[in-house]
Amino acid sequence: MWQGANLNFIQIEQHNSSDKPMEPIEILNQFNSCYLKIQTIAQNENWLLLIADKKIDPEAATHLGDVLHYLGEAMGCVEEIVEIKFNQELEP
């Protein structure tokens, strides 16, 4: 059973929930930030060497690709909301 991952090497900006609820555009921006960070890891030479040298489970590359895929899908859903809200704000 997967117990979680140590993400100390990634500093994730946290939204101060005591201020106000996040707007859809803020959510999209946070997703995008996460996507870019994960994509950077996936393209990192050390990550690729770990996989090539079989120092980690070869499935790790697949899992990371899956994370990028599903995060991209979630971003697409939020993008639709952002577009609808943007278009509504443009209407008189």
Protein backbone atom coordinates (compact mmCIF):
# COMPACT_ATOMS: atom_id res chain seq x y z
CA MET A 1 0.00 0.00 0.00
CA TRP A 2 1.29 3.46 -0.91
CA GLN A 3 1.95 5.53 2.18
CA GLY A 4 2.64 8.88 0.53
CA ALA A 5 5.72 10.63 -0.74
CA ASN A 6 8.25 12.93 0.84
CA LEU A 7 7.80 16.21 -1.00
CA ASN A 8 10.26 18.24 1.05
CA PHE A 9 12.26 18.96 -2.10
CA ILE A 10 9.34 20.86 -3.61
CA GLN A 11 8.22 24.09 -2.03
CA ILE A 12 4.56 24.43 -2.84
CA GLU A 13 2.97 27.82 -2.45
CA GLN A 14 -0.05 27.55 -0.23
CA HIS A 15 -3.08 29.75 -0.51
CA ASN A 16 -4.10 31.46 2.71
CA SER A 17 -7.59 30.07 3.08
CA SER A 18 -8.43 32.54 5.85
CA ASP A 19 -8.43 35.40 3.32
CA LYS A 20 -11.10 34.32 0.87
CA PRO A 21 -12.07 31.32 -1.27
CA MET A 22 -9.86 30.76 -4.30
CA GLU A 23 -11.25 32.04 -7.57
CA PRO A 24 -11.25 29.61 -10.52
CA ILE A 25 -8.37 31.51 -12.14
CA GLU A 26 -6.34 31.12 -8.93
CA ILE A 27 -7.05 27.39 -8.92
CA LEU A 28 -6.00 27.16 -12.56
CA ASN A 29 -2.81 29.09 -11.82
CA GLN A 30 -1.98 26.72 -8.93
CA PHE A 31 -2.63 23.67 -11.12
CA ASN A 32 -0.42 25.18 -13.82
CA SER A 33 2.35 25.84 -11.31
CA CYS A 34 2.19 22.22 -10.11
CA TYR A 35 2.14 20.95 -13.68
CA LEU A 36 5.25 22.93 -14.58
CA LYS A 37 7.09 21.70 -11.47
CA ILE A 38 6.22 18.06 -12.17
CA GLN A 39 7.12 18.47 -15.84
CA THR A 40 10.50 19.86 -14.78
CA ILE A 41 11.09 16.75 -12.68
CA ALA A 42 10.04 14.47 -15.54
CA GLN A 43 12.61 16.13 -17.81
CA ASN A 44 15.35 16.33 -15.18
CA GLU A 45 18.56 14.51 -16.08
CA ASN A 46 18.87 12.96 -12.61
CA TRP A 47 15.30 11.64 -12.78
CA LEU A 48 15.94 10.15 -16.20
CA LEU A 49 19.19 8.56 -14.97
CA LEU A 50 17.41 7.00 -12.00
CA ILE A 51 15.01 5.37 -14.42
CA ALA A 52 17.68 4.38 -16.94
CA ASP A 53 19.91 2.89 -14.23
CA LYS A 54 16.88 1.06 -12.80
CA LYS A 55 17.54 2.56 -9.36
CA ILE A 56 13.83 3.15 -8.98
CA ASP A 57 10.83 1.18 -10.12
CA PRO A 58 10.58 1.54 -13.92
CA GLU A 59 6.86 2.13 -13.44
CA ALA A 60 7.77 5.48 -11.85
CA ALA A 61 8.10 7.09 -15.28
CA THR A 62 4.65 5.82 -16.19
CA HIS A 63 3.19 7.08 -12.93
CA LEU A 64 4.72 10.52 -13.42
CA GLY A 65 3.34 10.61 -16.94
CA ASP A 66 -0.07 9.67 -15.56
CA VAL A 67 0.13 12.49 -13.01
CA LEU A 68 0.87 14.99 -15.79
CA HIS A 69 -1.96 13.59 -17.91
CA TYR A 70 -4.58 13.75 -15.16
CA LEU A 71 -3.42 17.12 -13.91
CA GLY A 72 -3.73 18.37 -17.49
CA GLU A 73 -7.25 16.95 -17.65
CA ALA A 74 -8.19 18.70 -14.40
CA MET A 75 -6.74 21.94 -15.74
CA GLY A 76 -8.90 21.58 -18.84
CA CYS A 77 -12.01 21.30 -16.69
CA VAL A 78 -11.11 24.40 -14.69
CA GLU A 79 -10.21 26.27 -17.90
CA GLU A 80 -13.81 25.79 -19.07
CA ILE A 81 -15.10 27.44 -15.88
CA VAL A 82 -12.61 30.30 -16.21
CA GLU A 83 -13.66 30.88 -19.83
CA ILE A 84 -17.37 30.87 -18.94
CA LYS A 85 -16.80 33.30 -16.07
CA PHE A 86 -14.63 35.53 -18.28
CA ASN A 87 -17.28 35.58 -21.02
CA GLN A 88 -20.01 36.38 -18.49
CA GLU A 89 -18.00 39.32 -17.19
CA LEU A 90 -17.65 40.66 -20.74
CA GLU A 91 -21.40 40.58 -21.38
CA PRO A 92 -23.25 43.83 -20.61
